[in-house]
Amino acid sequence: MQAKVKWDGDVRFKGTTGSGFDVTIDAEQKQGPRPMELLLLGLGGCTSYDVVGILKKTRQDVVDCVAELEAERADTVPAVFTKIHVKFIVSGRGLNEKKVERAVKLSAEQYCSASLMLEKGGVEITHSFEIIEVE
């Protein structure tokens, strides 16, 4: 895996992923997200990918999945994440609560590389979920 970050003036940088996607990183948030926001989004994307994949493998009729993340940071420099809560809002038809709970647990404990890496670095990560029945 590769990435490149190039200074773009002031407090902006242009990031390019190894797969060729560009993102503007901006500490002032005028043209893009801050670096720590990207890290939080990466965690949300990683764990959501797992949860949806696991639910589909167990033949759950998932229509939508939203991960809402709330994070706390240290008051001192470096202002690392200290706590993160991930709440999944899973919508679908006839979703089995135990299977949703299992998917969230498997992602957190076995599959989500971002989550496991952050936890090994001392971040307390908690999870919850809500199921929304759709027609």
Protein backbone atom coordinates (compact mmCIF):
# COMPACT_ATOMS: atom_id res chain seq x y z
CA MET A 1 0.00 0.00 0.00
CA GLN A 2 1.29 3.43 -0.88
CA ALA A 3 0.27 7.05 -0.53
CA LYS A 4 1.78 10.44 -1.26
CA VAL A 5 1.10 13.77 0.44
CA LYS A 6 2.27 17.00 -1.21
CA TRP A 7 2.19 20.47 0.31
CA ASP A 8 -0.36 22.63 -1.50
CA GLY A 9 0.29 25.97 0.26
CA ASP A 10 -0.67 27.40 3.65
CA VAL A 11 -2.02 24.50 5.73
CA ARG A 12 -3.27 22.42 2.80
CA PHE A 13 -1.90 19.22 1.37
CA LYS A 14 -2.94 17.08 -1.57
CA GLY A 15 -3.01 13.40 -0.76
CA THR A 16 -2.91 10.77 -3.46
CA THR A 17 -3.64 7.14 -2.66
CA GLY A 18 -1.75 4.28 -4.22
CA SER A 19 -4.92 3.49 -6.18
CA GLY A 20 -4.92 6.97 -7.70
CA PHE A 21 -7.54 8.88 -5.71
CA ASP A 22 -6.90 12.46 -4.59
CA VAL A 23 -8.06 14.19 -1.43
CA THR A 24 -7.38 17.68 -0.14
CA ILE A 25 -6.31 17.74 3.50
CA ASP A 26 -6.82 21.16 5.11
CA ALA A 27 -6.18 22.05 8.75
CA GLU A 28 -8.42 25.12 8.36
CA GLN A 29 -11.24 23.06 6.81
CA LYS A 30 -11.80 25.44 3.91
CA GLN A 31 -11.11 22.94 1.12
CA GLY A 32 -11.07 19.55 2.79
CA PRO A 33 -11.12 17.56 6.01
CA ARG A 34 -8.50 17.68 8.74
CA PRO A 35 -6.10 14.72 9.02
CA MET A 36 -7.72 13.32 12.17
CA GLU A 37 -11.15 13.52 10.54
CA LEU A 38 -9.82 11.38 7.71
CA LEU A 39 -8.55 8.86 10.23
CA LEU A 40 -12.01 8.70 11.83
CA LEU A 41 -13.62 8.29 8.39
CA GLY A 42 -11.18 5.49 7.61
CA LEU A 43 -12.24 3.66 10.76
CA GLY A 44 -15.91 4.16 9.91
CA GLY A 45 -15.43 2.90 6.37
CA CYS A 46 -13.38 -0.11 7.45
CA THR A 47 -15.81 -1.33 10.09
CA SER A 48 -18.91 -0.58 7.98
CA TYR A 49 -17.48 -2.60 5.11
CA ASP A 50 -17.06 -5.55 7.49
CA VAL A 51 -20.50 -5.27 9.08
CA VAL A 52 -22.35 -5.10 5.75
CA GLY A 53 -20.26 -7.92 4.28
CA ILE A 54 -20.88 -10.20 7.26
CA LEU A 55 -24.61 -9.48 7.24
CA LYS A 56 -24.86 -10.18 3.51
CA LYS A 57 -23.00 -13.48 3.97
CA THR A 58 -25.57 -14.46 6.57
CA ARG A 59 -28.32 -13.61 4.05
CA GLN A 60 -29.64 -10.60 5.88
CA ASP A 61 -31.65 -8.20 3.70
CA VAL A 62 -29.61 -5.06 4.41
CA VAL A 63 -30.84 -1.90 2.68
CA ASP A 64 -28.60 0.69 4.36
CA CYS A 65 -25.87 0.98 6.98
CA VAL A 66 -24.71 4.21 8.57
CA ALA A 67 -21.86 4.41 11.06
CA GLU A 68 -21.93 7.46 13.30
CA LEU A 69 -18.60 8.03 15.05
CA GLU A 70 -17.93 10.25 18.05
CA ALA A 71 -14.38 10.70 19.27
CA GLU A 72 -12.60 12.29 22.20
CA ARG A 73 -9.04 13.52 21.95
CA ALA A 74 -6.32 14.17 24.52
CA ASP A 75 -6.08 17.75 25.77
CA THR A 76 -2.32 17.77 25.31
CA VAL A 77 -0.07 17.47 22.29
CA PRO A 78 -0.11 15.02 20.65
CA ALA A 79 -3.91 15.27 20.66
CA VAL A 80 -4.47 11.57 19.98
CA PHE A 81 -7.84 9.90 20.08
CA THR A 82 -8.56 8.53 23.54
CA LYS A 83 -12.11 7.25 23.05
CA ILE A 84 -14.21 6.49 19.99
CA HIS A 85 -17.80 5.31 19.91
CA VAL A 86 -19.19 3.77 16.73
CA LYS A 87 -22.96 3.53 16.41
CA PHE A 88 -24.31 1.52 13.49
CA ILE A 89 -27.77 2.26 12.15
CA VAL A 90 -28.64 -0.75 10.03
CA SER A 91 -31.79 -0.68 7.91
CA GLY A 92 -33.32 -3.69 6.26
CA ARG A 93 -36.11 -6.21 6.03
CA GLY A 94 -36.48 -8.73 8.84
CA LEU A 95 -32.97 -8.21 10.20
CA ASN A 96 -32.00 -10.61 12.96
CA GLU A 97 -30.77 -8.68 16.00
CA LYS A 98 -28.33 -11.42 17.05
CA LYS A 99 -26.78 -11.48 13.57
CA VAL A 100 -26.34 -7.70 13.57
CA GLU A 101 -24.77 -7.86 17.04
CA ARG A 102 -22.45 -10.66 15.88
CA ALA A 103 -21.41 -8.73 12.75
CA VAL A 104 -20.51 -5.66 14.83
CA LYS A 105 -18.57 -7.82 17.30
CA LEU A 106 -16.67 -9.71 14.58
CA SER A 107 -15.68 -6.48 12.87
CA ALA A 108 -14.47 -4.96 16.14
CA GLU A 109 -12.62 -8.01 17.44
CA GLN A 110 -11.31 -9.76 14.33
CA TYR A 111 -11.65 -8.01 10.98
CA CYS A 112 -11.39 -4.22 11.08
CA SER A 113 -7.68 -3.46 10.78
CA ALA A 114 -8.21 0.23 11.56
CA SER A 115 -10.12 -0.52 14.77
CA LEU A 116 -7.65 -3.14 15.95
CA MET A 117 -4.68 -0.86 15.21
CA LEU A 118 -6.21 2.05 17.13
CA GLU A 119 -7.05 -0.17 20.09
CA LYS A 120 -3.49 -1.50 20.20
CA GLY A 121 -2.42 2.15 20.38
CA GLY A 122 -4.51 2.67 23.51
CA VAL A 123 -7.76 4.04 22.08
CA GLU A 124 -10.89 2.83 23.85
CA ILE A 125 -13.42 1.91 21.14
CA THR A 126 -17.03 1.06 21.93
CA HIS A 127 -19.86 0.01 19.65
CA SER A 128 -23.64 0.07 19.57
CA PHE A 129 -26.28 -0.53 16.94
CA GLU A 130 -29.84 0.28 16.03
CA ILE A 131 -31.99 -1.66 13.60
CA ILE A 132 -34.54 0.07 11.42
CA GLU A 133 -37.17 -2.07 9.71
CA VAL A 134 -38.04 -0.97 6.18
CA GLU A 135 -40.77 -2.15 3.81
